[in-house]
Every structure is written in C-alpha cells, then in structure tokens.
Amino acid sequence: AFEARFPDSKFLGNGGKGGVHYVETVSKGGIEGTKVSIVCLHGFGASSGSFRAAMQTISDSLNARVIAIDMPGFGLTERPGPRDSQEGFNALNSLSQAGALS
C-alpha cells in the first residue's frame, strides 16, 4: 500500500515509510493566514480519499487548514495488530503530539 501513495501523502511514524497516513490542504493565502484547522475522519470502509474533492474548496472558503487521515486499517495507514483496540485514538494522538494538528 505504501507504494500506492499520492504525491501529497504524508506519513507520521515509522520513519515516513508507513504509520499514519494523512493529506492536508491550506487556503490560497498559505498556512500563516489560516484561522482554523478541520480534521476529517472517515467511517468504516472509507479513507482520506473520501474528502479529496472537497478539501481545497473547504480550505479556501473557510480560510482553514483541512487534514484528512486514514484511520488504522484503512487507506494507506498501517494495519493494527490483533490486540490494538485503541489504534484510532492513538493515531489522532500521534498527529497531535507531532504538531500536525497545530
């Protein structure tokens, strides 16, 4: 799955070679003029790709940074182990700790 990444794919964890996959857009004014950050979370059977067509429009109209992540086990994010029941929360926490949601 890592080989199928998009040109704007970003990964957090595992040295940039897997881990939590996310994509982001900012308004045309750039990150400095951003007033708010919006995180898009998909449901079962979906991925960050569900939001791709709308992300730039949302960024521009709300002067926002829009981040869409692939929850563990979906899209390009690594699959959790059989005993990792908190992986979705861990993925959000990892993004937050790394400053990706700031």
C-alpha atoms as a PDB file:
ATOM      1  CA  ALA A   1       0.000   0.000   0.000  1.00  0.00           C
ATOM      2  CA  PHE A   2       2.892   2.385   0.716  1.00  0.00           C
ATOM      3  CA  GLU A   3       3.871   2.289  -2.957  1.00  0.00           C
ATOM      4  CA  ALA A   4       0.358   3.486  -3.909  1.00  0.00           C
ATOM      5  CA  ARG A   5       0.677   6.764  -2.037  1.00  0.00           C
ATOM      6  CA  PHE A   6      -0.408  10.091  -3.508  1.00  0.00           C
ATOM      7  CA  PRO A   7       2.062  12.876  -4.373  1.00  0.00           C
ATOM      8  CA  ASP A   8       0.799  14.882  -1.382  1.00  0.00           C
ATOM      9  CA  SER A   9       0.747  11.927   1.039  1.00  0.00           C
ATOM     10  CA  LYS A  10       2.321  12.443   4.433  1.00  0.00           C
ATOM     11  CA  PHE A  11       3.112   9.782   6.985  1.00  0.00           C
ATOM     12  CA  LEU A  12       3.662  10.099  10.695  1.00  0.00           C
ATOM     13  CA  GLY A  13       5.605   7.391  12.456  1.00  0.00           C
ATOM     14  CA  ASN A  14       7.791   4.585  11.183  1.00  0.00           C
ATOM     15  CA  GLY A  15      10.354   6.922   9.619  1.00  0.00           C
ATOM     16  CA  GLY A  16       7.997   8.232   6.927  1.00  0.00           C
ATOM     17  CA  LYS A  17       7.572   4.728   5.494  1.00  0.00           C
ATOM     18  CA  GLY A  18       4.154   3.815   6.777  1.00  0.00           C
ATOM     19  CA  GLY A  19       2.481   4.643  10.040  1.00  0.00           C
ATOM     20  CA  VAL A  20      -0.439   7.086   9.988  1.00  0.00           C
ATOM     21  CA  HIS A  21      -1.222   8.434   6.511  1.00  0.00           C
ATOM     22  CA  TYR A  22      -2.748  11.871   6.083  1.00  0.00           C
ATOM     23  CA  VAL A  23      -3.199  14.601   3.496  1.00  0.00           C
ATOM     24  CA  GLU A  24      -3.765  18.283   4.109  1.00  0.00           C
ATOM     25  CA  THR A  25      -4.711  21.453   2.291  1.00  0.00           C
ATOM     26  CA  VAL A  26      -4.422  25.111   3.260  1.00  0.00           C
ATOM     27  CA  SER A  27      -6.113  28.176   1.833  1.00  0.00           C
ATOM     28  CA  LYS A  28      -4.524  30.051  -1.056  1.00  0.00           C
ATOM     29  CA  GLY A  29      -3.190  32.577   1.483  1.00  0.00           C
ATOM     30  CA  GLY A  30      -0.939  29.899   2.970  1.00  0.00           C
ATOM     31  CA  ILE A  31      -0.594  28.406   6.421  1.00  0.00           C
ATOM     32  CA  GLU A  32       0.212  31.774   8.033  1.00  0.00           C
ATOM     33  CA  GLY A  33      -3.269  33.149   7.291  1.00  0.00           C
ATOM     34  CA  THR A  34      -5.109  30.049   8.457  1.00  0.00           C
ATOM     35  CA  LYS A  35      -7.751  30.759  11.073  1.00  0.00           C
ATOM     36  CA  VAL A  36      -8.903  27.239  11.921  1.00  0.00           C
ATOM     37  CA  SER A  37      -7.933  23.592  11.448  1.00  0.00           C
ATOM     38  CA  ILE A  38     -10.509  20.995  10.440  1.00  0.00           C
ATOM     39  CA  VAL A  39      -9.871  17.264  10.828  1.00  0.00           C
ATOM     40  CA  CYS A  40     -11.857  14.933   8.568  1.00  0.00           C
ATOM     41  CA  LEU A  41     -12.433  11.413   9.922  1.00  0.00           C
ATOM     42  CA  HIS A  42     -13.895   8.737   7.679  1.00  0.00           C
ATOM     43  CA  GLY A  43     -16.243   5.926   8.552  1.00  0.00           C
ATOM     44  CA  PHE A  44     -15.957   2.177   8.064  1.00  0.00           C
ATOM     45  CA  GLY A  45     -14.815   1.150   4.592  1.00  0.00           C
ATOM     46  CA  ALA A  46     -13.678   4.632   3.569  1.00  0.00           C
ATOM     47  CA  SER A  47     -10.380   6.548   3.585  1.00  0.00           C
ATOM     48  CA  SER A  48      -8.937  10.050   3.396  1.00  0.00           C
ATOM     49  CA  GLY A  49      -9.681   9.879  -0.319  1.00  0.00           C
ATOM     50  CA  SER A  50     -13.354  10.369   0.539  1.00  0.00           C
ATOM     51  CA  PHE A  51     -12.575  14.028   1.256  1.00  0.00           C
ATOM     52  CA  ARG A  52     -10.083  14.830  -1.527  1.00  0.00           C
ATOM     53  CA  ALA A  53     -12.528  16.523  -3.897  1.00  0.00           C
ATOM     54  CA  ALA A  54     -13.818  18.907  -1.211  1.00  0.00           C
ATOM     55  CA  MET A  55     -10.698  19.678   0.831  1.00  0.00           C
ATOM     56  CA  GLN A  56      -9.295  22.609  -1.174  1.00  0.00           C
ATOM     57  CA  THR A  57     -12.721  24.216  -1.543  1.00  0.00           C
ATOM     58  CA  ILE A  58     -13.256  23.994   2.222  1.00  0.00           C
ATOM     59  CA  SER A  59      -9.769  25.404   2.871  1.00  0.00           C
ATOM     60  CA  ASP A  60     -10.325  28.371   0.575  1.00  0.00           C
ATOM     61  CA  SER A  61     -13.872  29.191   1.660  1.00  0.00           C
ATOM     62  CA  LEU A  62     -13.189  28.974   5.417  1.00  0.00           C
ATOM     63  CA  ASN A  63      -9.554  30.118   5.370  1.00  0.00           C
ATOM     64  CA  ALA A  64      -8.788  26.791   7.023  1.00  0.00           C
ATOM     65  CA  ARG A  65      -6.242  24.033   7.153  1.00  0.00           C
ATOM     66  CA  VAL A  66      -8.038  20.769   6.340  1.00  0.00           C
ATOM     67  CA  ILE A  67      -6.464  17.467   7.387  1.00  0.00           C
ATOM     68  CA  ALA A  68      -7.852  14.072   6.376  1.00  0.00           C
ATOM     69  CA  ILE A  69      -6.357  10.974   7.940  1.00  0.00           C
ATOM     70  CA  ASP A  70      -6.647   7.295   7.166  1.00  0.00           C
ATOM     71  CA  MET A  71      -7.704   5.544  10.340  1.00  0.00           C
ATOM     72  CA  PRO A  72      -5.668   2.423  11.226  1.00  0.00           C
ATOM     73  CA  GLY A  73      -6.514  -0.460   8.938  1.00  0.00           C
ATOM     74  CA  PHE A  74      -7.911   1.788   6.185  1.00  0.00           C
ATOM     75  CA  GLY A  75      -6.401   3.597   3.207  1.00  0.00           C
ATOM     76  CA  LEU A  76      -2.621   3.844   3.441  1.00  0.00           C
ATOM     77  CA  THR A  77      -2.306   3.753   7.240  1.00  0.00           C
ATOM     78  CA  GLU A  78      -0.679   0.645   8.670  1.00  0.00           C
ATOM     79  CA  ARG A  79      -2.928  -2.136   9.882  1.00  0.00           C
ATOM     80  CA  PRO A  80      -3.117  -2.518  13.659  1.00  0.00           C
ATOM     81  CA  GLY A  81      -2.205  -5.725  15.406  1.00  0.00           C
ATOM     82  CA  PRO A  82      -4.965  -8.036  16.654  1.00  0.00           C
ATOM     83  CA  ARG A  83      -4.833  -6.619  20.187  1.00  0.00           C
ATOM     84  CA  ASP A  84      -4.673  -2.908  19.359  1.00  0.00           C
ATOM     85  CA  SER A  85      -8.216  -1.788  20.173  1.00  0.00           C
ATOM     86  CA  GLN A  86      -7.240   1.867  20.739  1.00  0.00           C
ATOM     87  CA  GLU A  87      -5.396   2.428  17.452  1.00  0.00           C
ATOM     88  CA  GLY A  88      -7.815   5.078  16.139  1.00  0.00           C
ATOM     89  CA  PHE A  89      -7.296   7.208  19.226  1.00  0.00           C
ATOM     90  CA  ASN A  90      -3.561   6.562  19.115  1.00  0.00           C
ATOM     91  CA  ALA A  91      -3.432   7.793  15.502  1.00  0.00           C
ATOM     92  CA  LEU A  92      -5.056  11.105  16.438  1.00  0.00           C
ATOM     93  CA  ASN A  93      -2.829  11.442  19.481  1.00  0.00           C
ATOM     94  CA  SER A  94       0.292  10.821  17.367  1.00  0.00           C
ATOM     95  CA  LEU A  95      -0.711  13.532  14.885  1.00  0.00           C
ATOM     96  CA  SER A  96      -1.422  15.942  17.721  1.00  0.00           C
ATOM     97  CA  GLN A  97       1.854  15.206  19.549  1.00  0.00           C
ATOM     98  CA  ALA A  98       3.864  15.719  16.356  1.00  0.00           C
ATOM     99  CA  GLY A  99       2.272  19.111  15.807  1.00  0.00           C
ATOM    100  CA  ALA A 100       0.437  18.017  12.663  1.00  0.00           C
ATOM    101  CA  LEU A 101      -2.843  19.268  14.159  1.00  0.00           C
ATOM    102  CA  SER A 102      -1.473  22.590  15.437  1.00  0.00           C
END
